Amino acid sequence: MLIDLGIFVAVGLICWFSGWRMIYHYSDGLVWAGVAAIVFGIFSLIGGWRGRTSFPYQYGRSAGEEDILERTRRDLKDTGQSYAFLVLMAVVGIVSIALGTLIQTVFR
């Protein structure tokens, strides 16, 4: 996955410029990046849910010409996209954490 590759390179650059040049430091960085990706996915889900369920948003949407069926379809599509992003970030985070743990296990 390109996102994982980007995380691996970014963590490597951050570790290099921070002076953390041991493989153990790199693996710690990968674990922290994986945790951050998972948390980012969870926060995106919570933020989307809070935005769609607020009273001003719902009141503003009722002023349009869409019927209730179209609004419900759009809500379901938005919810599905939020969960899809959460799943993507969870997979990215798990891969990063697994690689960081594998590096720590192998290079002890």
Protein backbone atom coordinates (compact mmCIF):
# COMPACT_ATOMS: atom_id res chain seq x y z
CA MET A 1 0.00 0.00 0.00
CA LEU A 2 1.24 3.44 -0.83
CA ILE A 3 0.14 4.87 2.50
CA ASP A 4 2.27 2.34 4.36
CA LEU A 5 5.24 3.07 2.12
CA GLY A 6 4.79 6.78 2.81
CA ILE A 7 4.69 6.12 6.55
CA PHE A 8 7.84 3.96 6.39
CA VAL A 9 9.74 6.66 4.51
CA ALA A 10 8.42 9.50 6.69
CA VAL A 11 9.31 7.66 9.91
CA GLY A 12 12.75 6.90 8.50
CA LEU A 13 13.36 10.54 7.64
CA ILE A 14 12.07 11.77 10.99
CA CYS A 15 14.27 9.28 12.83
CA TRP A 16 17.31 10.17 10.72
CA PHE A 17 16.98 13.93 11.21
CA SER A 18 16.20 13.50 14.92
CA GLY A 19 19.42 11.60 15.45
CA TRP A 20 17.71 8.29 16.13
CA ARG A 21 19.81 6.11 13.89
CA MET A 22 19.41 2.72 15.56
CA ILE A 23 17.05 0.13 14.07
CA TYR A 24 15.31 -0.08 17.44
CA HIS A 25 14.42 3.63 17.24
CA TYR A 26 13.02 3.13 13.74
CA SER A 27 10.83 0.28 14.94
CA ASP A 28 9.56 2.40 17.83
CA GLY A 29 8.72 5.13 15.32
CA LEU A 30 6.77 2.65 13.21
CA VAL A 31 4.77 1.50 16.22
CA TRP A 32 3.93 5.08 17.17
CA ALA A 33 3.00 5.92 13.56
CA GLY A 34 0.70 2.88 13.48
CA VAL A 35 -1.02 3.94 16.67
CA ALA A 36 -1.39 7.48 15.29
CA ALA A 37 -2.97 6.15 12.08
CA ILE A 38 -5.53 4.14 14.02
CA VAL A 39 -6.36 7.08 16.29
CA PHE A 40 -6.68 9.34 13.22
CA GLY A 41 -9.20 6.90 11.74
CA ILE A 42 -11.21 6.79 14.95
CA PHE A 43 -11.27 10.58 15.27
CA SER A 44 -12.41 10.96 11.67
CA LEU A 45 -15.33 8.65 12.37
CA ILE A 46 -16.30 10.53 15.54
CA GLY A 47 -15.96 13.93 13.87
CA GLY A 48 -18.11 12.93 10.92
CA TRP A 49 -20.77 11.50 13.19
CA ARG A 50 -20.88 14.60 15.39
CA GLY A 51 -21.15 16.85 12.37
CA ARG A 52 -24.00 14.92 10.78
CA THR A 53 -26.05 14.62 13.95
CA SER A 54 -25.90 18.23 15.09
CA PHE A 55 -29.18 20.12 15.18
CA PRO A 56 -28.11 23.06 12.96
CA TYR A 57 -26.92 20.63 10.27
CA GLN A 58 -30.13 18.60 10.34
CA TYR A 59 -32.29 21.73 10.38
CA GLY A 60 -30.40 23.22 7.44
CA ARG A 61 -30.74 20.03 5.43
CA SER A 62 -34.50 19.93 5.88
CA ALA A 63 -34.85 23.25 4.03
CA GLY A 64 -33.73 21.73 0.72
CA GLU A 65 -35.87 20.14 -1.94
CA GLU A 66 -34.59 16.59 -1.39
CA ASP A 67 -37.06 14.08 -0.08
CA ILE A 68 -36.39 12.00 3.00
CA LEU A 69 -35.29 9.00 0.94
CA GLU A 70 -32.52 10.94 -0.82
CA ARG A 71 -31.29 12.45 2.45
CA THR A 72 -31.23 9.01 4.04
CA ARG A 73 -29.28 7.56 1.10
CA ARG A 74 -26.76 10.38 1.34
CA ASP A 75 -26.40 9.86 5.10
CA LEU A 76 -25.80 6.15 4.59
CA LYS A 77 -23.21 6.88 1.90
CA ASP A 78 -21.40 9.36 4.18
CA THR A 79 -21.45 6.87 7.05
CA GLY A 80 -20.12 4.12 4.79
CA GLN A 81 -17.27 6.35 3.64
CA SER A 82 -16.39 7.20 7.23
CA TYR A 83 -16.23 3.53 8.18
CA ALA A 84 -14.24 2.71 5.04
CA PHE A 85 -11.66 5.34 6.04
CA LEU A 86 -11.55 3.92 9.56
CA VAL A 87 -10.92 0.43 8.20
CA LEU A 88 -8.19 1.74 5.87
CA MET A 89 -6.43 3.53 8.71
CA ALA A 90 -6.78 0.48 10.96
CA VAL A 91 -5.13 -1.72 8.31
CA VAL A 92 -2.35 0.84 7.78
CA GLY A 93 -1.82 1.09 11.53
CA ILE A 94 -1.79 -2.66 12.06
CA VAL A 95 0.74 -3.17 9.26
CA SER A 96 3.00 -0.47 10.72
CA ILE A 97 2.72 -1.85 14.25
CA ALA A 98 3.34 -5.40 13.02
CA LEU A 99 6.45 -4.38 11.08
CA GLY A 100 7.77 -2.37 14.03
CA THR A 101 7.19 -5.30 16.37
CA LEU A 102 8.80 -7.70 13.92
CA ILE A 103 11.88 -5.49 13.69
CA GLN A 104 12.12 -5.31 17.49
CA THR A 105 11.78 -9.07 17.76
CA VAL A 106 14.35 -9.92 15.07
CA PHE A 107 16.98 -7.31 15.91
CA ARG A 108 17.20 -7.68 19.68
